[in-house]
């Protein structure tokens, strides 16, 4: 089972974002951490919410990624 904490993400170049070492996780200028994940079936990004710490955001990302993998099987 994979964990997004283990995977380095590419440089995030979006407006107001700060690079992290987590996939899909962006720190906003006010300090909150937000997450998005790409839905491969629909081909769109899905907003998953905002969190106080990158670790909380990672758990949310992982839960949604596992759910999507189950639906794809």
Protein backbone atom coordinates (compact mmCIF):
# COMPACT_ATOMS: atom_id res chain seq x y z
CA UNK A 1 0.00 0.00 0.00
CA UNK A 2 1.42 3.38 -0.96
CA UNK A 3 1.40 6.53 1.09
CA UNK A 4 1.60 10.04 -0.35
CA UNK A 5 4.08 11.01 2.39
CA UNK A 6 6.60 8.77 0.60
CA UNK A 7 6.23 10.42 -2.79
CA UNK A 8 7.76 13.78 -3.60
CA UNK A 9 5.46 16.03 -5.56
CA UNK A 10 6.51 18.27 -8.40
CA UNK A 11 6.99 21.99 -7.87
CA UNK A 12 3.62 23.65 -7.36
CA UNK A 13 3.46 26.81 -9.42
CA UNK A 14 -0.11 27.88 -8.63
CA UNK A 15 -0.83 31.40 -7.44
CA UNK A 16 -0.34 31.76 -3.70
CA UNK A 17 0.95 28.25 -3.15
CA UNK A 18 4.06 27.01 -1.37
CA UNK A 19 5.84 23.82 -2.40
CA UNK A 20 5.56 20.81 -0.07
CA UNK A 21 6.87 17.28 -0.23
CA UNK A 22 3.35 15.84 -0.48
CA UNK A 23 1.29 15.04 -3.57
CA UNK A 24 -1.78 17.22 -4.03
CA UNK A 25 -1.17 19.33 -0.92
CA UNK A 26 -0.75 23.10 -1.14
CA UNK A 27 -0.15 25.63 1.64
CA UNK A 28 -2.20 28.78 1.16
CA UNK A 29 -0.84 32.22 2.11
CA UNK A 30 -2.87 32.29 5.34
CA UNK A 31 -1.25 29.04 6.50
CA UNK A 32 -4.04 26.53 5.82
CA UNK A 33 -3.20 23.35 3.89
CA UNK A 34 -5.50 22.40 1.02
CA UNK A 35 -5.76 19.22 -1.01
CA UNK A 36 -6.95 18.29 -4.46
CA UNK A 37 -6.85 14.93 -6.22
CA UNK A 38 -7.37 14.10 -9.87
CA UNK A 39 -10.28 11.79 -10.63
CA UNK A 40 -9.02 9.56 -13.45
CA UNK A 41 -12.51 8.42 -14.48
CA UNK A 42 -13.87 11.93 -14.95
CA UNK A 43 -10.57 13.61 -15.84
CA UNK A 44 -11.09 16.50 -13.40
CA UNK A 45 -9.52 17.72 -10.16
CA UNK A 46 -11.58 17.15 -7.02
CA UNK A 47 -11.34 19.60 -4.11
CA UNK A 48 -11.01 17.65 -0.84
CA UNK A 49 -10.84 20.49 1.65
CA UNK A 50 -8.48 22.46 3.85
CA UNK A 51 -6.65 21.39 7.00
CA UNK A 52 -4.51 22.89 9.76
CA UNK A 53 -1.43 20.70 9.21
CA UNK A 54 0.12 18.95 6.21
CA UNK A 55 -0.13 15.62 8.04
CA UNK A 56 -3.94 15.99 8.38
CA UNK A 57 -4.15 16.89 4.70
CA UNK A 58 -2.05 13.85 3.77
CA UNK A 59 -4.41 11.54 5.63
CA UNK A 60 -7.36 13.03 3.75
CA UNK A 61 -5.59 12.64 0.42
CA UNK A 62 -4.65 9.03 1.18
CA UNK A 63 -8.20 8.12 2.21
CA UNK A 64 -9.64 9.53 -1.03
CA UNK A 65 -6.92 7.92 -3.17
CA UNK A 66 -7.66 4.51 -1.63
CA UNK A 67 -11.40 5.03 -2.18
CA UNK A 68 -10.78 5.89 -5.84
CA UNK A 69 -8.57 2.82 -6.28
CA UNK A 70 -11.32 0.58 -4.86
CA UNK A 71 -13.88 2.09 -7.25
CA UNK A 72 -11.55 1.55 -10.21
CA UNK A 73 -11.27 -2.20 -9.55
